[in-house]
Protein backbone atom coordinates (compact mmCIF):
# COMPACT_ATOMS: atom_id res chain seq x y z
CA MET A 1 -12.26 -69.82 -4.69
CA SER A 2 -11.31 -67.77 -7.80
CA ASP A 3 -11.85 -69.18 -11.57
CA SER A 4 -8.93 -66.83 -12.10
CA PRO A 5 -6.07 -69.03 -14.58
CA THR A 6 -3.35 -66.41 -12.10
CA ASN A 7 -4.34 -67.87 -9.01
CA ALA A 8 -3.45 -71.66 -10.68
CA LEU A 9 -5.71 -74.38 -9.00
CA THR A 10 -4.35 -77.80 -8.56
CA THR A 11 -6.62 -80.68 -6.91
CA TRP A 12 -5.66 -83.95 -5.24
CA VAL A 13 -7.84 -85.81 -7.80
CA GLU A 14 -5.99 -87.25 -10.43
CA VAL A 15 -7.10 -85.31 -13.69
CA ALA A 16 -5.76 -86.32 -17.16
CA LYS A 17 -4.00 -83.38 -18.80
CA ASN A 18 -6.10 -83.09 -21.57
CA SER A 19 -9.66 -83.64 -19.41
CA ASP A 20 -12.34 -81.49 -19.98
CA PHE A 21 -13.75 -82.26 -16.71
CA THR A 22 -10.94 -80.28 -14.56
CA ILE A 23 -10.84 -78.14 -11.14
CA TYR A 24 -11.65 -75.18 -13.06
CA ASN A 25 -14.74 -76.81 -14.65
CA LEU A 26 -17.00 -78.68 -12.64
CA PRO A 27 -20.34 -79.18 -14.45
CA PHE A 28 -23.59 -80.15 -12.97
CA GLY A 29 -25.50 -83.63 -14.08
CA VAL A 30 -27.59 -85.83 -13.18
CA PHE A 31 -26.86 -89.78 -12.79
CA LYS A 32 -27.11 -93.15 -11.83
CA ASN A 33 -25.75 -96.16 -11.53
CA LYS A 34 -26.30 -99.96 -10.53
CA LYS A 35 -26.74 -99.17 -6.94
CA LEU A 36 -27.54 -95.36 -6.81
CA SER A 37 -31.32 -94.08 -7.99
CA PRO A 38 -30.63 -90.82 -9.89
CA ARG A 39 -28.73 -88.06 -7.95
CA ILE A 40 -26.85 -84.58 -8.89
CA GLY A 41 -23.46 -84.77 -9.05
CA ILE A 42 -20.33 -82.42 -10.15
CA ALA A 43 -17.68 -84.00 -12.45
CA ILE A 44 -14.08 -83.60 -12.19
CA GLY A 45 -11.68 -86.25 -14.13
CA ASP A 46 -12.82 -89.59 -14.23
CA LYS A 47 -14.95 -89.09 -11.31
CA ILE A 48 -18.25 -87.95 -10.10
CA VAL A 49 -19.07 -86.17 -6.92
CA ASP A 50 -22.22 -87.24 -5.30
CA LEU A 51 -23.49 -84.18 -3.91
CA SER A 52 -26.29 -85.93 -2.08
CA ILE A 53 -23.70 -87.92 0.16
CA LEU A 54 -21.72 -84.47 0.49
CA ASP A 55 -24.80 -83.02 1.93
CA GLN A 56 -25.26 -85.72 4.05
CA GLU A 57 -21.89 -85.31 5.59
CA GLY A 58 -22.43 -82.07 6.52
CA PHE A 59 -20.30 -80.36 4.00
CA PHE A 60 -23.06 -77.69 2.89
CA SER A 61 -24.61 -77.56 6.30
CA ASP A 62 -24.15 -73.56 7.00
CA MET A 63 -26.20 -73.13 3.45
CA PHE A 64 -29.46 -74.24 4.96
CA LEU A 65 -30.43 -76.56 1.58
CA PRO A 66 -33.63 -77.65 1.35
CA GLU A 67 -33.59 -81.70 2.49
CA GLY A 68 -32.86 -84.04 -0.55
CA ILE A 69 -32.09 -81.21 -2.79
CA PHE A 70 -29.64 -82.90 -4.48
CA LEU A 71 -31.56 -86.83 -4.40
CA SER A 72 -33.44 -85.26 -8.10
CA GLU A 73 -34.14 -86.69 -10.95
CA SER A 74 -33.22 -83.00 -12.73
CA LEU A 75 -31.32 -80.12 -12.15
CA ASN A 76 -34.41 -77.90 -12.23
CA ASP A 77 -34.65 -77.33 -8.48
CA LEU A 78 -31.68 -77.14 -7.42
CA ILE A 79 -31.09 -73.98 -10.51
CA GLU A 80 -34.47 -72.60 -9.12
CA LEU A 81 -32.93 -72.04 -5.48
CA GLY A 82 -30.66 -68.86 -7.78
CA LYS A 83 -27.11 -68.31 -8.85
CA VAL A 84 -26.11 -67.14 -5.58
CA THR A 85 -26.76 -70.80 -4.09
CA THR A 86 -25.57 -72.68 -7.26
CA LYS A 87 -22.13 -71.09 -7.36
CA LYS A 88 -21.45 -71.38 -3.69
CA ILE A 89 -22.10 -75.05 -4.02
CA ARG A 90 -19.87 -75.08 -6.70
CA GLU A 91 -17.10 -72.99 -5.13
CA ARG A 92 -17.43 -75.20 -2.24
CA VAL A 93 -16.69 -78.36 -4.14
CA GLN A 94 -13.90 -76.51 -5.64
CA ASP A 95 -12.48 -75.97 -2.57
CA LEU A 96 -12.68 -78.71 -1.37
CA LEU A 97 -10.92 -80.54 -4.61
CA ALA A 98 -8.27 -78.42 -3.91
CA ALA A 99 -4.68 -79.98 -3.77
CA ASP A 100 -4.23 -78.52 0.02
CA ASN A 101 -7.56 -79.21 1.75
CA GLU A 102 -7.56 -82.42 3.32
CA LYS A 103 -11.27 -82.17 4.46
CA LEU A 104 -12.88 -84.67 2.03
CA ARG A 105 -9.37 -86.28 0.93
CA ASP A 106 -8.70 -87.63 4.18
CA HIS A 107 -12.69 -88.28 5.18
CA SER A 108 -14.04 -91.59 5.79
CA ALA A 109 -16.59 -90.59 3.34
CA ARG A 110 -14.58 -90.31 0.36
CA GLY A 111 -14.81 -93.43 -1.10
CA LYS A 112 -19.05 -92.84 -1.25
CA VAL A 113 -18.56 -89.25 -2.60
CA MET A 114 -16.11 -89.53 -5.34
CA LEU A 115 -17.39 -92.40 -7.89
CA ASN A 116 -16.10 -93.83 -11.07
CA ARG A 117 -17.94 -91.97 -14.01
CA LYS A 118 -18.01 -94.84 -16.38
CA GLU A 119 -19.99 -96.87 -14.38
CA ALA A 120 -22.75 -94.33 -14.33
CA THR A 121 -25.53 -93.91 -16.69
CA MET A 122 -26.05 -90.21 -17.27
CA LEU A 123 -29.40 -88.73 -17.55
CA MET A 124 -31.62 -85.50 -19.42
CA PRO A 125 -30.01 -82.82 -16.79
CA VAL A 126 -32.81 -80.92 -16.84
CA LYS A 127 -36.70 -81.09 -17.46
CA ILE A 128 -37.00 -78.81 -20.26
CA GLY A 129 -40.62 -76.84 -20.50
CA ASP A 130 -40.04 -75.07 -23.70
CA TYR A 131 -37.02 -75.02 -26.56
CA THR A 132 -36.27 -72.63 -28.98
CA ASP A 133 -33.58 -73.01 -31.68
CA PHE A 134 -31.92 -70.05 -33.23
CA TYR A 135 -30.30 -69.09 -36.86
CA SER A 136 -27.58 -66.84 -35.64
CA SER A 137 -24.43 -68.11 -37.50
CA MET A 138 -24.32 -65.55 -40.55
CA GLU A 139 -21.89 -68.22 -41.97
CA HIS A 140 -24.63 -70.78 -42.23
CA ALA A 141 -27.22 -68.81 -43.07
CA THR A 142 -25.23 -67.37 -45.78
CA ASN A 143 -24.82 -70.27 -47.11
CA VAL A 144 -27.98 -72.07 -46.80
CA GLY A 145 -29.16 -69.16 -48.73
CA LYS A 146 -26.67 -69.47 -51.32
CA MET A 147 -27.99 -72.88 -51.83
CA PHE A 148 -31.94 -72.56 -51.81
CA ARG A 149 -32.19 -68.89 -52.82
CA ASP A 150 -30.41 -65.95 -54.36
CA PRO A 151 -26.85 -66.28 -54.56
CA GLU A 152 -26.57 -62.60 -54.81
CA ASN A 153 -28.92 -62.05 -51.70
CA ALA A 154 -28.15 -65.54 -49.59
CA LEU A 155 -29.58 -63.23 -46.69
CA LEU A 156 -33.07 -62.77 -45.93
CA PRO A 157 -34.15 -59.02 -45.21
CA ASN A 158 -34.68 -59.40 -41.47
CA TRP A 159 -31.90 -61.38 -40.66
CA LYS A 160 -29.13 -58.39 -39.65
CA HIS A 161 -31.79 -57.24 -37.57
CA LEU A 162 -33.06 -59.65 -35.33
CA PRO A 163 -31.89 -63.03 -34.42
CA VAL A 164 -33.96 -65.46 -36.07
CA GLY A 165 -35.66 -68.53 -34.24
CA TYR A 166 -38.44 -70.50 -33.83
CA HIS A 167 -39.83 -72.64 -31.33
CA GLY A 168 -39.27 -76.28 -31.29
CA ARG A 169 -40.34 -79.52 -29.60
CA ALA A 170 -39.01 -79.81 -26.04
CA SER A 171 -40.26 -83.83 -25.40
CA SER A 172 -38.02 -85.07 -28.56
CA ILE A 173 -34.59 -83.73 -26.85
CA ILE A 174 -32.79 -86.77 -25.60
CA PRO A 175 -29.31 -87.56 -23.74
CA SER A 176 -26.19 -88.25 -25.27
CA GLY A 177 -26.15 -91.92 -25.95
CA VAL A 178 -29.74 -92.65 -26.99
CA PRO A 179 -30.28 -93.91 -30.36
CA VAL A 180 -32.07 -91.53 -32.68
CA ILE A 181 -33.96 -93.63 -35.32
CA ARG A 182 -34.14 -92.03 -39.29
CA PRO A 183 -37.89 -90.18 -39.30
CA LYS A 184 -40.15 -90.48 -42.21
CA GLY A 185 -42.24 -88.17 -43.39
CA GLN A 186 -43.32 -86.46 -47.12
CA THR A 187 -40.20 -85.25 -49.40
CA LYS A 188 -40.89 -83.99 -52.98
CA ASP A 189 -38.39 -83.76 -55.31
CA PRO A 190 -37.85 -80.88 -57.56
CA GLU A 191 -38.35 -82.60 -60.88
CA SER A 192 -41.38 -84.65 -59.59
CA GLY A 193 -45.11 -83.09 -59.86
CA SER A 194 -46.36 -84.60 -56.84
CA PRO A 195 -44.65 -85.76 -53.01
CA VAL A 196 -44.06 -89.06 -51.64
CA PHE A 197 -44.21 -90.38 -48.01
CA GLY A 198 -41.02 -92.74 -46.47
CA PRO A 199 -38.03 -92.43 -44.96
CA SER A 200 -35.87 -89.76 -44.99
CA LYS A 201 -32.67 -89.52 -47.40
CA LYS A 202 -31.30 -87.03 -46.22
CA LEU A 203 -30.59 -86.95 -42.29
CA ASP A 204 -28.22 -84.56 -41.21
CA PHE A 205 -26.44 -82.79 -37.81
CA GLU A 206 -26.25 -79.32 -36.80
CA LEU A 207 -23.21 -78.88 -34.50
CA GLU A 208 -24.46 -76.36 -31.74
CA LEU A 209 -24.60 -75.07 -28.34
CA ALA A 210 -27.36 -74.44 -26.18
CA PHE A 211 -27.96 -72.31 -22.82
CA ILE A 212 -30.31 -73.65 -20.23
CA THR A 213 -32.15 -70.45 -18.62
CA GLY A 214 -31.79 -70.67 -14.69
CA LYS A 215 -34.45 -68.09 -14.03
CA SER A 216 -38.20 -67.57 -14.75
CA THR A 217 -39.85 -64.21 -15.67
CA LYS A 218 -43.59 -63.48 -15.45
CA LEU A 219 -45.86 -62.87 -18.67
CA GLY A 220 -45.03 -59.31 -19.92
CA ASP A 221 -41.58 -59.22 -18.39
CA SER A 222 -38.46 -58.61 -20.69
CA VAL A 223 -34.58 -59.25 -20.26
CA SER A 224 -32.20 -56.48 -21.20
CA THR A 225 -29.12 -57.55 -22.58
CA ALA A 226 -27.42 -56.05 -19.58
CA ASP A 227 -29.34 -58.52 -17.05
CA ALA A 228 -29.29 -61.74 -19.57
CA GLU A 229 -26.17 -63.48 -18.72
CA ASP A 230 -28.22 -63.64 -14.72
CA TYR A 231 -30.96 -65.77 -16.59
CA ILE A 232 -28.20 -68.17 -18.17
CA PHE A 233 -27.41 -70.97 -15.94
CA GLY A 234 -25.14 -72.95 -18.19
CA PHE A 235 -24.10 -74.62 -21.61
CA VAL A 236 -24.51 -78.12 -23.33
CA LEU A 237 -23.31 -79.38 -26.47
CA PHE A 238 -26.39 -79.72 -28.98
CA ASN A 239 -26.65 -82.00 -31.91
CA ASP A 240 -29.72 -80.63 -33.92
CA TRP A 241 -31.03 -83.37 -36.05
CA SER A 242 -32.40 -82.44 -39.19
CA ALA A 243 -34.10 -84.02 -42.46
CA ARG A 244 -33.23 -81.57 -44.78
CA ASP A 245 -35.63 -83.72 -47.63
CA ILE A 246 -39.19 -83.39 -45.42
CA GLN A 247 -37.68 -79.78 -44.22
CA ALA A 248 -37.31 -78.72 -47.53
CA TRP A 249 -40.92 -79.34 -48.50
CA GLU A 250 -42.47 -78.66 -45.35
CA TYR A 251 -40.62 -75.39 -44.22
CA VAL A 252 -42.81 -73.20 -46.58
CA PRO A 253 -44.57 -70.72 -45.05
CA LEU A 254 -44.18 -71.44 -41.24
CA GLY A 255 -40.70 -72.88 -40.76
CA PRO A 256 -39.60 -76.30 -39.19
CA PHE A 257 -41.85 -79.55 -38.42
CA LEU A 258 -41.27 -82.89 -38.61
CA GLY A 259 -38.07 -82.56 -40.40
CA LYS A 260 -36.75 -81.53 -36.67
CA SER A 261 -39.10 -83.05 -34.45
CA PHE A 262 -37.94 -86.04 -34.27
CA ALA A 263 -34.87 -86.06 -32.37
CA SER A 264 -32.31 -83.28 -30.70
CA SER A 265 -29.47 -85.00 -28.69
CA ILE A 266 -27.54 -83.19 -26.04
CA SER A 267 -24.28 -83.74 -23.76
CA PRO A 268 -25.14 -84.77 -19.82
CA TRP A 269 -22.79 -82.61 -18.45
CA VAL A 270 -24.28 -78.70 -17.76
CA VAL A 271 -21.15 -76.44 -17.82
CA THR A 272 -21.72 -73.34 -15.79
CA LEU A 273 -21.28 -69.85 -17.24
CA GLU A 274 -19.10 -68.80 -14.44
CA ALA A 275 -16.60 -71.36 -15.92
CA LEU A 276 -16.83 -70.02 -18.90
CA GLU A 277 -16.49 -66.56 -17.91
CA GLN A 278 -12.44 -66.10 -18.56
CA PHE A 279 -13.11 -67.23 -22.28
CA LYS A 280 -15.39 -64.32 -23.35
CA VAL A 281 -14.03 -62.56 -26.49
CA GLU A 282 -15.22 -59.60 -28.48
CA SER A 283 -18.23 -60.46 -30.95
CA PRO A 284 -18.46 -59.91 -34.64
CA VAL A 285 -18.99 -56.40 -35.81
CA GLN A 286 -22.54 -55.75 -36.43
CA GLU A 287 -23.77 -53.71 -39.52
CA PRO A 288 -26.13 -52.36 -40.23
CA GLU A 289 -26.36 -50.94 -36.08
CA VAL A 290 -28.78 -53.12 -34.37
CA LEU A 291 -32.08 -51.49 -32.52
CA ASP A 292 -31.20 -49.89 -28.87
CA TYR A 293 -32.93 -53.45 -27.34
CA LEU A 294 -30.19 -55.27 -28.89
CA LYS A 295 -27.01 -53.07 -28.37
CA CYS A 296 -24.39 -54.85 -25.76
CA GLU A 297 -22.25 -52.59 -23.32
CA GLN A 298 -20.04 -55.89 -22.59
CA SER A 299 -18.98 -59.15 -24.83
CA HIS A 300 -21.26 -62.19 -24.22
CA SER A 301 -19.57 -64.24 -27.09
CA PHE A 302 -16.97 -67.22 -26.18
CA ASP A 303 -14.09 -68.43 -27.49
CA ILE A 304 -15.41 -72.32 -27.56
CA HIS A 305 -13.56 -74.91 -29.99
CA LEU A 306 -16.47 -77.69 -31.46
CA GLU A 307 -15.24 -81.02 -33.56
CA ALA A 308 -18.29 -82.91 -35.34
CA TYR A 309 -17.27 -86.58 -36.01
CA ILE A 310 -18.87 -89.39 -38.31
CA GLN A 311 -18.41 -92.84 -37.06
CA PRO A 312 -19.86 -95.97 -39.50
CA GLU A 313 -20.72 -98.88 -37.81
CA ASP A 314 -17.67 -101.15 -36.90
CA GLU A 315 -15.28 -98.47 -38.34
CA LYS A 316 -12.75 -95.56 -36.02
CA SER A 317 -14.03 -91.97 -35.72
CA SER A 318 -13.44 -89.49 -38.47
CA LYS A 319 -13.44 -86.01 -37.71
CA VAL A 320 -15.58 -83.83 -40.17
CA CYS A 321 -15.47 -80.05 -39.19
CA THR A 322 -13.86 -78.02 -37.02
CA SER A 323 -15.73 -74.75 -35.90
CA ASN A 324 -16.02 -72.37 -32.93
CA PHE A 325 -18.98 -70.76 -30.58
CA LYS A 326 -16.91 -67.36 -31.16
CA ASN A 327 -18.08 -67.16 -34.95
CA MET A 328 -21.78 -66.38 -33.70
CA TYR A 329 -23.00 -63.18 -35.30
CA TRP A 330 -26.00 -63.02 -32.33
CA ASN A 331 -24.91 -63.82 -29.16
CA VAL A 332 -26.83 -65.39 -26.20
CA ALA A 333 -27.76 -61.92 -24.37
CA GLN A 334 -28.98 -60.39 -27.94
CA GLN A 335 -31.13 -64.07 -28.17
CA LEU A 336 -32.82 -64.07 -25.08
CA ALA A 337 -33.60 -60.00 -25.04
CA HIS A 338 -35.44 -60.44 -28.39
CA HIS A 339 -37.13 -63.73 -27.28
CA THR A 340 -38.68 -61.76 -24.48
CA VAL A 341 -39.06 -58.20 -25.51
CA ASN A 342 -42.60 -58.97 -26.63
CA GLY A 343 -42.98 -60.27 -22.94
CA CYS A 344 -42.77 -64.04 -23.55
CA ASN A 345 -42.08 -65.55 -20.25
CA ILE A 346 -39.59 -67.94 -19.46
CA ASN A 347 -39.31 -70.73 -16.83
CA VAL A 348 -36.21 -72.48 -15.16
CA GLY A 349 -35.13 -74.94 -17.59
CA ASP A 350 -35.85 -74.00 -20.72
CA MET A 351 -33.46 -74.65 -23.00
CA MET A 352 -32.15 -72.19 -26.23
CA ALA A 353 -29.82 -73.64 -28.86
CA SER A 354 -27.65 -71.74 -31.04
CA GLY A 355 -28.67 -72.93 -34.25
CA THR A 356 -25.53 -74.15 -36.55
CA ILE A 357 -22.02 -73.12 -36.03
CA SER A 358 -20.14 -72.55 -39.14
CA GLY A 359 -17.34 -70.77 -39.83
CA GLN A 360 -15.66 -69.01 -42.96
CA GLU A 361 -13.50 -71.82 -44.39
CA PRO A 362 -15.37 -75.59 -45.50
CA ASP A 363 -13.99 -77.35 -42.93
CA SER A 364 -15.70 -75.40 -40.58
CA PHE A 365 -19.40 -75.90 -42.06
CA GLY A 366 -21.32 -77.14 -38.76
CA SER A 367 -23.64 -79.41 -41.06
CA MET A 368 -23.43 -82.08 -43.63
CA LEU A 369 -25.79 -79.63 -45.93
CA GLU A 370 -23.03 -77.46 -46.00
CA LEU A 371 -20.11 -79.96 -45.95
CA SER A 372 -21.49 -81.95 -48.98
CA TRP A 373 -23.32 -78.89 -50.29
CA ASN A 374 -26.51 -80.72 -50.25
CA GLY A 375 -25.17 -83.66 -51.74
CA LYS A 376 -23.23 -82.45 -54.57
CA ASN A 377 -19.97 -83.29 -52.78
CA ALA A 378 -18.82 -86.23 -51.18
CA VAL A 379 -17.18 -86.24 -47.27
CA LYS A 380 -14.41 -88.42 -47.45
CA LEU A 381 -13.70 -90.58 -44.28
CA GLU A 382 -10.81 -91.88 -42.96
CA SER A 383 -11.63 -95.62 -43.80
CA GLY A 384 -12.34 -94.35 -47.42
CA THR A 385 -15.80 -94.37 -47.21
CA GLU A 386 -17.56 -91.35 -48.42
CA ARG A 387 -20.73 -89.58 -46.67
CA LYS A 388 -23.05 -86.97 -48.49
CA PHE A 389 -25.83 -87.48 -45.21
CA ILE A 390 -25.78 -89.62 -42.14
CA GLU A 391 -26.19 -93.47 -43.09
CA ASP A 392 -27.96 -95.96 -40.59
CA GLY A 393 -25.42 -97.15 -38.30
CA ASP A 394 -23.66 -94.22 -38.26
CA THR A 395 -22.87 -92.42 -34.88
CA VAL A 396 -22.29 -88.97 -35.12
CA ILE A 397 -20.47 -87.24 -32.00
CA MET A 398 -19.90 -83.99 -31.32
CA LYS A 399 -16.88 -82.55 -28.52
CA GLY A 400 -16.07 -79.12 -27.58
CA PHE A 401 -14.12 -76.98 -25.03
CA ALA A 402 -12.34 -74.24 -24.49
CA GLU A 403 -8.79 -73.27 -23.30
CA LYS A 404 -6.56 -70.44 -22.52
CA ASP A 405 -3.17 -69.72 -20.39
CA GLY A 406 -3.02 -73.75 -19.55
CA VAL A 407 -6.89 -73.51 -18.38
CA ARG A 408 -9.28 -76.21 -20.02
CA VAL A 409 -13.15 -76.05 -19.49
CA GLY A 410 -14.64 -78.57 -21.86
CA PHE A 411 -18.00 -80.38 -22.52
CA GLY A 412 -17.35 -84.14 -22.77
CA GLU A 413 -19.15 -85.13 -25.63
CA VAL A 414 -22.92 -85.95 -27.38
CA LYS A 415 -23.23 -88.70 -28.96
CA ALA A 416 -25.77 -90.78 -30.68
CA LYS A 417 -26.48 -93.73 -33.16
CA VAL A 418 -29.06 -93.69 -36.17
CA LEU A 419 -31.42 -96.96 -36.53
CA PRO A 420 -33.47 -97.41 -39.51
CA ALA A 421 -36.82 -95.97 -39.53
CA LYS A 422 -39.26 -97.88 -38.24
C-alpha cells in the first residue's frame, strides 16, 4: 500500500489527531509487558501490533519468514532479512490496519494482536555493534568554534570538505526512560594550574537523530552516496549526553572520551526510511564544491521538526530548543559514504548519530553549551528557575516529527532523568 498523501489512508484503529504513530508511520520496536516476553511490534496510535501473534495466525504465511523471527530481543535478525522483506511486512500491517480491511479488525485474535502501548516496557530496539557520532551541523560547529577558538575562523579547515565524526562507545547507549548517572572525571579550570577530579559541573544534552544500518559490507568495500539509502533501515531520536568540562580538558589531541562515553539515550521506535521518504527536502548548498565521492544526485535531507525540554524534579517541563533535521550541512548519504570510503566495514544494527542539530536562531541551538553560551547566559524555565547546564533531578525530553499535507510521522520521545554521581 502506498504511503503517498494523495492516497489518503484511514484506519479502523483509534488514533489521536496529533499522534506520532499514524498509519503512515508504523515504526518497529521491541517490547515486553507483564505477561509477554520480549518481542517485536509495530506502533499505531496508543496500540502495539504484536507481530508474533500476527505471524502465528498466518497473516505472513506467504512470506515464508524464519520461524520465531518476531520473538526476538532485538530487530537485528529481522533487519538482516533485507529491505524487500521488512518493507513487505510493514506494508502488510498497513493494509491490515486500513479502515476498509476487516481481516484483522474482525478476527478472533485481534485482542491478542492489538496491545496497549502504555502497558508495555520498551527495550533497546537493536543490538548496536558499533556507534559513530558525526559533527554535521554548520551552525553548531560554528558556535563551538566561536566559543573555544577564533570567532573569525570558527570552522576548522577540514570541516566543509568532509563529514567529521568519531567512533563512540556502543555499550553505554540506553533506551528512553533509563536514568543517567552524572559522570565523574578530570576537569581543569583555565585559571588553575592543575586538574581536579569530581562530578561534572557542566552536564549537557545534544539534540540529535541517528540512523541504523540495515545491510552489512565487507572489509575493503565502500558505499556510494547513490546507494547509501539501501543501507539505512531507519531513524531514532538520539540524546548524546555530554560532560562539557570533562570533554574540554580531555579532547586534545584525540577527541571525545569520558566526556561522552558515560551515556547516550535513544527513542525506542525505529521510524523506517520508507515512512520518511515524503518529507525529503533539498540539502543546504555546499561551498566549496565537495569531492566527487561526496556528491549527491538526489536529496537525502529530511524536514523533521525537533524539540528539547527540561523538566526539573516535581515541576512541569519547559521547551528550551526548537530545531530541524533539514539544517544539517552533511546529509546521511554523505556520512555513510565518507565512513566507508576507506574500506571500513559496517554491520546490521550499527548506529550513526548526526551530531548536535542547531539552527541559526538562538532558540534553535541544540545544546545547553550553545543556549547558555558555555554558562555565560541563564536559560529561563517556565517555573521561573534558571539553567546553564543540566542539574541532578532534571529530566531531559526530546521529541521529533515530520508533517506535510496532513500526514504526520513522528518518533515519540526520548527522555532520561539525571541522577547524582555515585
